[in-house]
Amino acid sequence: MTNRFSKQAQDLEAIWQKTISNQNDFPSFSGYKEKMNGNSNGIKQNQIIETPTRETLPLPVSALILCGGKSQRMGRPKAFLPYGGTTMINHILGVVKDLFAETFLIANEPEAFEDFEVDVVKDILPYRGPLGGILSGLLVAQYPHAFVIACDMPLVEPKLIRQLVGRRHDHDVVVASHEDGIEPLLGVYSKNCIKPLEESLFNGDLSLKDFLSGLNSATFEIDETKEESGLPAYFNVNTPQDYSRLVTGGALQIFPNKRN
């Protein structure tokens, strides 16, 4: 069983390398090959900025923003929902981009994100859930760890992100947790996750929580203090009702949804 998965994992990596080698297919990868070939111009230089984790910015970590799947429950792409005078994806980019040495958008349909000033990575296994998106991002990331956030979590703030990322060194995965459970799409994943991700995907095991149970993982407990909106920082927008709660400051009382 292990040998079969190992060969399939190698085949997947070979397919991926062939895919990204064709720049005409993905114009947003124009700077990617230069960075992989050692062009230091593609890497931000650290600025001496004190943070609560005593690390300088940008952090030596990749950021992966998962741009969502078919959004069947929402009925429209969540990334482009209006929020805070812009869109959800623009808002999250504004929060995340300057914290990290590199930022990628992970999308099933990368052409929808070509106008953004960051690299867009096509999901290697489209519409197979977030496991494929995380794998796609880790395969192109330059750094040993990647911060992962879903595009439907607009209440996450830089302080929380820095605290979470500061726990990355002793575990393969660190995800946010709270009294209602865990948030697998708000966490830090190391490149040690690549092989287990490939094996889970080939085996058809698409549950993030099941995937995490087999790794050296840890949780980071989020302060339950509510944001100005009246909603917790980990609030994610999956349905029109969730979106109404977000834009009305949590006035609608709906039971929290949970990710699988």
C-alpha atoms as a PDB file:
ATOM      1  CA  MET A   1       0.000   0.000   0.000  1.00  0.00           C
ATOM      2  CA  THR A   2       2.801   2.405   0.928  1.00  0.00           C
ATOM      3  CA  ASN A   3       4.731   1.721  -2.283  1.00  0.00           C
ATOM      4  CA  ARG A   4       1.644   2.353  -4.400  1.00  0.00           C
ATOM      5  CA  PHE A   5       1.019   5.686  -2.723  1.00  0.00           C
ATOM      6  CA  SER A   6       4.693   6.609  -3.041  1.00  0.00           C
ATOM      7  CA  LYS A   7       4.683   6.053  -6.799  1.00  0.00           C
ATOM      8  CA  GLN A   8       1.422   7.952  -7.227  1.00  0.00           C
ATOM      9  CA  ALA A   9       2.869  10.823  -5.204  1.00  0.00           C
ATOM     10  CA  GLN A  10       5.880  10.933  -7.522  1.00  0.00           C
ATOM     11  CA  ASP A  11       3.596  10.883 -10.566  1.00  0.00           C
ATOM     12  CA  LEU A  12       1.606  13.807  -9.169  1.00  0.00           C
ATOM     13  CA  GLU A  13       4.742  15.873  -8.631  1.00  0.00           C
ATOM     14  CA  ALA A  14       5.900  15.081 -12.170  1.00  0.00           C
ATOM     15  CA  ILE A  15       2.555  16.225 -13.583  1.00  0.00           C
ATOM     16  CA  TRP A  16       2.719  19.410 -11.529  1.00  0.00           C
ATOM     17  CA  GLN A  17       6.270  20.237 -12.654  1.00  0.00           C
ATOM     18  CA  LYS A  18       5.230  19.750 -16.283  1.00  0.00           C
ATOM     19  CA  THR A  19       2.208  21.980 -15.759  1.00  0.00           C
ATOM     20  CA  ILE A  20       4.050  24.945 -14.264  1.00  0.00           C
ATOM     21  CA  SER A  21       6.812  24.696 -16.863  1.00  0.00           C
ATOM     22  CA  ASN A  22       4.375  26.080 -19.463  1.00  0.00           C
ATOM     23  CA  GLN A  23       4.182  29.782 -18.675  1.00  0.00           C
ATOM     24  CA  ASN A  24       1.645  30.334 -21.459  1.00  0.00           C
ATOM     25  CA  ASP A  25      -0.912  28.334 -19.487  1.00  0.00           C
ATOM     26  CA  PHE A  26      -0.488  30.432 -16.357  1.00  0.00           C
ATOM     27  CA  PRO A  27       0.631  34.025 -17.064  1.00  0.00           C
ATOM     28  CA  SER A  28       0.617  34.782 -13.339  1.00  0.00           C
ATOM     29  CA  PHE A  29       3.678  32.537 -12.945  1.00  0.00           C
ATOM     30  CA  SER A  30       5.878  34.994 -14.818  1.00  0.00           C
ATOM     31  CA  GLY A  31       8.004  35.670 -11.737  1.00  0.00           C
ATOM     32  CA  TYR A  32       7.889  32.166 -10.338  1.00  0.00           C
ATOM     33  CA  LYS A  33      10.625  30.578 -12.442  1.00  0.00           C
ATOM     34  CA  GLU A  34      13.003  33.461 -11.779  1.00  0.00           C
ATOM     35  CA  LYS A  35      12.589  32.962  -8.053  1.00  0.00           C
ATOM     36  CA  MET A  36      13.104  29.199  -8.371  1.00  0.00           C
ATOM     37  CA  ASN A  37      16.270  29.843 -10.398  1.00  0.00           C
ATOM     38  CA  GLY A  38      17.772  31.893  -7.594  1.00  0.00           C
ATOM     39  CA  ASN A  39      16.871  35.425  -8.648  1.00  0.00           C
ATOM     40  CA  SER A  40      16.984  37.233  -5.313  1.00  0.00           C
ATOM     41  CA  ASN A  41      14.983  40.118  -6.788  1.00  0.00           C
ATOM     42  CA  GLY A  42      11.891  37.952  -6.363  1.00  0.00           C
ATOM     43  CA  ILE A  43      12.314  37.773  -2.576  1.00  0.00           C
ATOM     44  CA  LYS A  44      11.440  40.620  -0.265  1.00  0.00           C
ATOM     45  CA  GLN A  45      14.216  41.951   1.955  1.00  0.00           C
ATOM     46  CA  ASN A  46      13.485  41.876   5.656  1.00  0.00           C
ATOM     47  CA  GLN A  47      12.567  45.116   7.362  1.00  0.00           C
ATOM     48  CA  ILE A  48      13.490  45.551  11.020  1.00  0.00           C
ATOM     49  CA  ILE A  49      10.027  45.798  12.517  1.00  0.00           C
ATOM     50  CA  GLU A  50       9.410  44.494  16.014  1.00  0.00           C
ATOM     51  CA  THR A  51       6.426  42.171  16.363  1.00  0.00           C
ATOM     52  CA  PRO A  52       4.913  40.372  19.344  1.00  0.00           C
ATOM     53  CA  THR A  53       6.732  37.201  18.217  1.00  0.00           C
ATOM     54  CA  ARG A  54      10.077  39.080  18.058  1.00  0.00           C
ATOM     55  CA  GLU A  55      10.442  38.246  14.369  1.00  0.00           C
ATOM     56  CA  THR A  56      11.114  40.815  11.700  1.00  0.00           C
ATOM     57  CA  LEU A  57       8.724  41.462   8.855  1.00  0.00           C
ATOM     58  CA  PRO A  58       8.155  40.080   6.340  1.00  0.00           C
ATOM     59  CA  LEU A  59       8.182  36.702   8.058  1.00  0.00           C
ATOM     60  CA  PRO A  60      10.168  33.915   6.316  1.00  0.00           C
ATOM     61  CA  VAL A  61       6.933  32.069   5.606  1.00  0.00           C
ATOM     62  CA  SER A  62       4.757  31.691   2.513  1.00  0.00           C
ATOM     63  CA  ALA A  63       1.118  32.796   2.649  1.00  0.00           C
ATOM     64  CA  LEU A  64      -1.548  30.764   0.851  1.00  0.00           C
ATOM     65  CA  ILE A  65      -4.999  32.295   0.438  1.00  0.00           C
ATOM     66  CA  LEU A  66      -7.481  29.624  -0.620  1.00  0.00           C
ATOM     67  CA  CYS A  67      -9.963  31.256  -2.995  1.00  0.00           C
ATOM     68  CA  GLY A  68     -12.751  28.751  -2.582  1.00  0.00           C
ATOM     69  CA  GLY A  69     -14.461  26.056  -4.585  1.00  0.00           C
ATOM     70  CA  LYS A  70     -17.855  26.074  -6.266  1.00  0.00           C
ATOM     71  CA  SER A  71     -19.481  28.103  -3.447  1.00  0.00           C
ATOM     72  CA  GLN A  72     -22.655  26.087  -3.881  1.00  0.00           C
ATOM     73  CA  ARG A  73     -24.127  27.139  -0.538  1.00  0.00           C
ATOM     74  CA  MET A  74     -23.378  30.802  -1.158  1.00  0.00           C
ATOM     75  CA  GLY A  75     -24.542  30.766  -4.766  1.00  0.00           C
ATOM     76  CA  ARG A  76     -21.736  33.061  -5.950  1.00  0.00           C
ATOM     77  CA  PRO A  77     -17.922  33.248  -5.550  1.00  0.00           C
ATOM     78  CA  LYS A  78     -17.178  34.175  -1.944  1.00  0.00           C
ATOM     79  CA  ALA A  79     -13.879  35.838  -2.827  1.00  0.00           C
ATOM     80  CA  PHE A  80     -15.675  38.677  -4.633  1.00  0.00           C
ATOM     81  CA  LEU A  81     -18.384  39.418  -2.082  1.00  0.00           C
ATOM     82  CA  PRO A  82     -18.361  43.121  -1.106  1.00  0.00           C
ATOM     83  CA  TYR A  83     -16.781  43.788   2.252  1.00  0.00           C
ATOM     84  CA  GLY A  84     -15.285  46.865   3.920  1.00  0.00           C
ATOM     85  CA  GLY A  85     -15.431  49.038   0.823  1.00  0.00           C
ATOM     86  CA  THR A  86     -13.723  46.413  -1.309  1.00  0.00           C
ATOM     87  CA  THR A  87     -14.069  42.634  -1.744  1.00  0.00           C
ATOM     88  CA  MET A  88     -13.389  39.788   0.656  1.00  0.00           C
ATOM     89  CA  ILE A  89     -10.281  38.693  -1.223  1.00  0.00           C
ATOM     90  CA  ASN A  90      -8.869  42.226  -1.460  1.00  0.00           C
ATOM     91  CA  HIS A  91      -9.476  42.764   2.245  1.00  0.00           C
ATOM     92  CA  ILE A  92      -7.667  39.566   3.230  1.00  0.00           C
ATOM     93  CA  LEU A  93      -4.813  40.362   0.848  1.00  0.00           C
ATOM     94  CA  GLY A  94      -4.445  43.735   2.557  1.00  0.00           C
ATOM     95  CA  VAL A  95      -4.169  42.029   5.931  1.00  0.00           C
ATOM     96  CA  VAL A  96      -1.816  39.251   4.868  1.00  0.00           C
ATOM     97  CA  LYS A  97       0.466  40.444   2.078  1.00  0.00           C
ATOM     98  CA  ASP A  98       2.927  42.610   4.016  1.00  0.00           C
ATOM     99  CA  LEU A  99       3.317  40.066   6.823  1.00  0.00           C
ATOM    100  CA  PHE A 100       4.937  37.388   4.682  1.00  0.00           C
ATOM    101  CA  ALA A 101       7.871  37.054   2.310  1.00  0.00           C
ATOM    102  CA  GLU A 102       5.616  35.756  -0.459  1.00  0.00           C
ATOM    103  CA  THR A 103       1.877  35.416  -0.999  1.00  0.00           C
ATOM    104  CA  PHE A 104      -0.058  33.152  -3.366  1.00  0.00           C
ATOM    105  CA  LEU A 105      -3.708  32.955  -4.265  1.00  0.00           C
ATOM    106  CA  ILE A 106      -4.785  29.330  -4.761  1.00  0.00           C
ATOM    107  CA  ALA A 107      -7.680  29.071  -7.196  1.00  0.00           C
ATOM    108  CA  ASN A 108      -9.584  26.529  -9.246  1.00  0.00           C
ATOM    109  CA  GLU A 109     -10.047  29.188 -11.935  1.00  0.00           C
ATOM    110  CA  PRO A 110      -6.886  31.337 -11.876  1.00  0.00           C
ATOM    111  CA  GLU A 111      -8.008  33.516 -14.785  1.00  0.00           C
ATOM    112  CA  ALA A 112     -10.516  35.177 -12.455  1.00  0.00           C
ATOM    113  CA  PHE A 113      -7.626  36.505 -10.347  1.00  0.00           C
ATOM    114  CA  GLU A 114      -5.173  37.617 -13.051  1.00  0.00           C
ATOM    115  CA  ASP A 115      -5.527  41.308 -12.151  1.00  0.00           C
ATOM    116  CA  PHE A 116      -4.169  40.856  -8.628  1.00  0.00           C
ATOM    117  CA  GLU A 117      -0.588  41.855  -7.884  1.00  0.00           C
ATOM    118  CA  VAL A 118       0.353  38.464  -6.448  1.00  0.00           C
ATOM    119  CA  ASP A 119       1.038  35.093  -8.050  1.00  0.00           C
ATOM    120  CA  VAL A 120      -1.979  32.886  -8.647  1.00  0.00           C
ATOM    121  CA  VAL A 121      -1.573  29.112  -8.390  1.00  0.00           C
ATOM    122  CA  LYS A 122      -3.985  26.797 -10.151  1.00  0.00           C
ATOM    123  CA  ASP A 123      -5.275  24.072  -7.858  1.00  0.00           C
ATOM    124  CA  ILE A 124      -3.500  20.909  -8.967  1.00  0.00           C
ATOM    125  CA  LEU A 125      -6.672  18.868  -8.388  1.00  0.00           C
ATOM    126  CA  PRO A 126      -9.551  21.293  -9.043  1.00  0.00           C
ATOM    127  CA  TYR A 127     -12.721  21.029  -6.967  1.00  0.00           C
ATOM    128  CA  ARG A 128     -11.335  18.298  -4.715  1.00  0.00           C
ATOM    129  CA  GLY A 129     -11.605  20.452  -1.609  1.00  0.00           C
ATOM    130  CA  PRO A 130      -9.053  22.407   0.424  1.00  0.00           C
ATOM    131  CA  LEU A 131      -6.543  19.549   0.680  1.00  0.00           C
ATOM    132  CA  GLY A 132      -5.688  19.985  -3.009  1.00  0.00           C
ATOM    133  CA  GLY A 133      -5.356  23.738  -2.597  1.00  0.00           C
ATOM    134  CA  ILE A 134      -2.977  23.401   0.349  1.00  0.00           C
ATOM    135  CA  LEU A 135      -0.911  20.838  -1.563  1.00  0.00           C
ATOM    136  CA  SER A 136      -0.723  23.100  -4.623  1.00  0.00           C
ATOM    137  CA  GLY A 137       0.523  25.989  -2.510  1.00  0.00           C
ATOM    138  CA  LEU A 138       3.111  23.955  -0.602  1.00  0.00           C
ATOM    139  CA  LEU A 139       4.552  22.623  -3.866  1.00  0.00           C
ATOM    140  CA  VAL A 140       5.382  26.126  -5.113  1.00  0.00           C
ATOM    141  CA  ALA A 141       6.226  27.766  -1.773  1.00  0.00           C
ATOM    142  CA  GLN A 142       9.857  28.788  -1.282  1.00  0.00           C
ATOM    143  CA  TYR A 143       9.770  28.552   2.491  1.00  0.00           C
ATOM    144  CA  PRO A 144       9.529  25.534   4.831  1.00  0.00           C
ATOM    145  CA  HIS A 145       6.214  26.719   6.290  1.00  0.00           C
ATOM    146  CA  ALA A 146       3.082  28.251   4.795  1.00  0.00           C
ATOM    147  CA  PHE A 147       0.350  30.204   6.521  1.00  0.00           C
ATOM    148  CA  VAL A 148      -3.030  29.084   5.179  1.00  0.00           C
ATOM    149  CA  ILE A 149      -6.224  31.118   5.318  1.00  0.00           C
ATOM    150  CA  ALA A 150      -9.539  30.768   3.521  1.00  0.00           C
ATOM    151  CA  CYS A 151     -10.874  33.699   1.523  1.00  0.00           C
ATOM    152  CA  ASP A 152     -14.054  33.722   3.631  1.00  0.00           C
ATOM    153  CA  MET A 153     -12.430  34.700   6.947  1.00  0.00           C
ATOM    154  CA  PRO A 154     -12.275  38.519   6.815  1.00  0.00           C
ATOM    155  CA  LEU A 155     -12.167  39.117  10.590  1.00  0.00           C
ATOM    156  CA  VAL A 156      -8.713  37.630  11.160  1.00  0.00           C
ATOM    157  CA  GLU A 157      -6.256  40.354  12.212  1.00  0.00           C
ATOM    158  CA  PRO A 158      -2.439  40.624  11.908  1.00  0.00           C
ATOM    159  CA  LYS A 159      -1.806  40.152  15.639  1.00  0.00           C
ATOM    160  CA  LEU A 160      -3.578  36.792  15.647  1.00  0.00           C
ATOM    161  CA  ILE A 161      -1.760  35.729  12.481  1.00  0.00           C
ATOM    162  CA  ARG A 162       1.660  36.568  13.961  1.00  0.00           C
ATOM    163  CA  GLN A 163       0.871  34.690  17.167  1.00  0.00           C
ATOM    164  CA  LEU A 164      -0.273  31.626  15.245  1.00  0.00           C
ATOM    165  CA  VAL A 165       2.720  31.626  12.894  1.00  0.00           C
ATOM    166  CA  GLY A 166       5.057  31.998  15.873  1.00  0.00           C
ATOM    167  CA  ARG A 167       4.116  28.442  16.950  1.00  0.00           C
ATOM    168  CA  ARG A 168       5.225  26.823  13.700  1.00  0.00           C
ATOM    169  CA  HIS A 169       8.647  25.445  14.654  1.00  0.00           C
ATOM    170  CA  ASP A 170       7.774  22.351  16.693  1.00  0.00           C
ATOM    171  CA  HIS A 171       4.967  20.849  14.608  1.00  0.00           C
ATOM    172  CA  ASP A 172       4.084  19.891  11.043  1.00  0.00           C
ATOM    173  CA  VAL A 173       0.760  21.706  11.385  1.00  0.00           C
ATOM    174  CA  VAL A 174      -0.645  24.274  13.810  1.00  0.00           C
ATOM    175  CA  VAL A 175      -4.310  25.239  13.402  1.00  0.00           C
ATOM    176  CA  ALA A 176      -6.519  27.695  15.218  1.00  0.00           C
ATOM    177  CA  SER A 177      -8.949  26.314  17.789  1.00  0.00           C
ATOM    178  CA  HIS A 178     -11.835  27.628  19.892  1.00  0.00           C
ATOM    179  CA  GLU A 179     -14.604  26.322  22.115  1.00  0.00           C
ATOM    180  CA  ASP A 180     -16.589  25.021  19.127  1.00  0.00           C
ATOM    181  CA  GLY A 181     -13.715  23.091  17.534  1.00  0.00           C
ATOM    182  CA  ILE A 182     -10.799  23.737  15.178  1.00  0.00           C
ATOM    183  CA  GLU A 183     -10.281  25.821  12.047  1.00  0.00           C
ATOM    184  CA  PRO A 184      -8.111  23.789   9.630  1.00  0.00           C
ATOM    185  CA  LEU A 185      -8.166  26.667   7.112  1.00  0.00           C
ATOM    186  CA  LEU A 186      -6.564  29.063   9.562  1.00  0.00           C
ATOM    187  CA  GLY A 187      -3.198  27.566  10.322  1.00  0.00           C
ATOM    188  CA  VAL A 188       0.420  26.917   9.427  1.00  0.00           C
ATOM    189  CA  TYR A 189       1.427  23.880   7.363  1.00  0.00           C
ATOM    190  CA  SER A 190       4.999  22.703   6.805  1.00  0.00           C
ATOM    191  CA  LYS A 191       6.370  21.054   3.688  1.00  0.00           C
ATOM    192  CA  ASN A 192       6.437  17.813   5.678  1.00  0.00           C
ATOM    193  CA  CYS A 193       2.729  17.692   4.830  1.00  0.00           C
ATOM    194  CA  ILE A 194       3.295  17.294   1.087  1.00  0.00           C
ATOM    195  CA  LYS A 195       3.577  13.490   0.960  1.00  0.00           C
ATOM    196  CA  PRO A 196       0.698  12.868   3.407  1.00  0.00           C
ATOM    197  CA  LEU A 197      -1.455  15.286   1.405  1.00  0.00           C
ATOM    198  CA  GLU A 198      -0.712  13.482  -1.847  1.00  0.00           C
ATOM    199  CA  GLU A 199      -1.498  10.122  -0.282  1.00  0.00           C
ATOM    200  CA  SER A 200      -4.761  11.356   1.234  1.00  0.00           C
ATOM    201  CA  LEU A 201      -5.892  12.821  -2.081  1.00  0.00           C
ATOM    202  CA  PHE A 202      -5.061   9.712  -4.081  1.00  0.00           C
ATOM    203  CA  ASN A 203      -6.853   7.599  -1.502  1.00  0.00           C
ATOM    204  CA  GLY A 204      -9.943   9.805  -1.762  1.00  0.00           C
ATOM    205  CA  ASP A 205      -9.680  10.929   1.872  1.00  0.00           C
ATOM    206  CA  LEU A 206     -10.698  14.583   1.562  1.00  0.00           C
ATOM    207  CA  SER A 207     -11.482  15.394   5.204  1.00  0.00           C
ATOM    208  CA  LEU A 208      -9.092  17.963   6.640  1.00  0.00           C
ATOM    209  CA  LYS A 209      -9.776  16.867  10.195  1.00  0.00           C
ATOM    210  CA  ASP A 210      -9.009  13.229   9.380  1.00  0.00           C
ATOM    211  CA  PHE A 211      -5.843  14.350   7.634  1.00  0.00           C
ATOM    212  CA  LEU A 212      -4.685  16.336  10.660  1.00  0.00           C
ATOM    213  CA  SER A 213      -5.248  13.423  13.021  1.00  0.00           C
ATOM    214  CA  GLY A 214      -2.398  11.507  11.391  1.00  0.00           C
ATOM    215  CA  LEU A 215       0.206  14.273  11.675  1.00  0.00           C
ATOM    216  CA  ASN A 216       2.380  15.930  14.286  1.00  0.00           C
ATOM    217  CA  SER A 217      -0.172  18.679  14.746  1.00  0.00           C
ATOM    218  CA  ALA A 218      -1.058  21.190  17.425  1.00  0.00           C
ATOM    219  CA  THR A 219      -3.736  23.766  18.041  1.00  0.00           C
ATOM    220  CA  PHE A 220      -3.532  27.444  18.902  1.00  0.00           C
ATOM    221  CA  GLU A 221      -6.438  28.621  21.013  1.00  0.00           C
ATOM    222  CA  ILE A 222      -8.030  31.845  19.824  1.00  0.00           C
ATOM    223  CA  ASP A 223      -9.158  34.441  22.323  1.00  0.00           C
ATOM    224  CA  GLU A 224     -12.942  34.262  22.300  1.00  0.00           C
ATOM    225  CA  THR A 225     -13.282  38.051  22.617  1.00  0.00           C
ATOM    226  CA  LYS A 226     -15.670  39.240  19.922  1.00  0.00           C
ATOM    227  CA  GLU A 227     -14.622  41.657  17.210  1.00  0.00           C
ATOM    228  CA  GLU A 228     -16.346  45.028  16.698  1.00  0.00           C
ATOM    229  CA  SER A 229     -18.752  43.197  14.412  1.00  0.00           C
ATOM    230  CA  GLY A 230     -19.915  41.076  17.340  1.00  0.00           C
ATOM    231  CA  LEU A 231     -18.477  37.979  15.644  1.00  0.00           C
ATOM    232  CA  PRO A 232     -15.349  35.989  16.581  1.00  0.00           C
ATOM    233  CA  ALA A 233     -12.135  36.321  14.581  1.00  0.00           C
ATOM    234  CA  TYR A 234     -12.514  32.800  13.194  1.00  0.00           C
ATOM    235  CA  PHE A 235     -15.964  33.475  11.704  1.00  0.00           C
ATOM    236  CA  ASN A 236     -16.190  32.127   8.142  1.00  0.00           C
ATOM    237  CA  VAL A 237     -18.769  32.953   5.495  1.00  0.00           C
ATOM    238  CA  ASN A 238     -20.298  29.884   3.879  1.00  0.00           C
ATOM    239  CA  THR A 239     -23.954  30.808   3.299  1.00  0.00           C
ATOM    240  CA  PRO A 240     -26.028  33.921   2.528  1.00  0.00           C
ATOM    241  CA  GLN A 241     -27.094  33.857   6.185  1.00  0.00           C
ATOM    242  CA  ASP A 242     -23.441  33.970   7.291  1.00  0.00           C
ATOM    243  CA  TYR A 243     -22.826  36.898   4.974  1.00  0.00           C
ATOM    244  CA  SER A 244     -25.839  38.727   6.399  1.00  0.00           C
ATOM    245  CA  ARG A 245     -24.455  38.225   9.885  1.00  0.00           C
ATOM    246  CA  LEU A 246     -21.121  39.659   8.767  1.00  0.00           C
ATOM    247  CA  VAL A 247     -22.512  42.804   7.174  1.00  0.00           C
ATOM    248  CA  THR A 248     -25.088  43.413   9.909  1.00  0.00           C
ATOM    249  CA  GLY A 249     -22.616  43.042  12.753  1.00  0.00           C
ATOM    250  CA  GLY A 250     -23.781  39.594  13.839  1.00  0.00           C
ATOM    251  CA  ALA A 251     -27.369  40.680  14.459  1.00  0.00           C
ATOM    252  CA  LEU A 252     -28.745  37.450  12.989  1.00  0.00           C
ATOM    253  CA  GLN A 253     -28.320  34.538  15.377  1.00  0.00           C
ATOM    254  CA  ILE A 254     -27.433  31.421  13.392  1.00  0.00           C
ATOM    255  CA  PHE A 255     -25.802  28.305  14.762  1.00  0.00           C
ATOM    256  CA  PRO A 256     -22.086  28.208  13.784  1.00  0.00           C
ATOM    257  CA  ASN A 257     -21.185  26.088  10.807  1.00  0.00           C
ATOM    258  CA  LYS A 258     -18.213  23.758  10.949  1.00  0.00           C
ATOM    259  CA  ARG A 259     -15.733  22.728   8.293  1.00  0.00           C
ATOM    260  CA  ASN A 260     -15.144  19.060   7.602  1.00  0.00           C
END
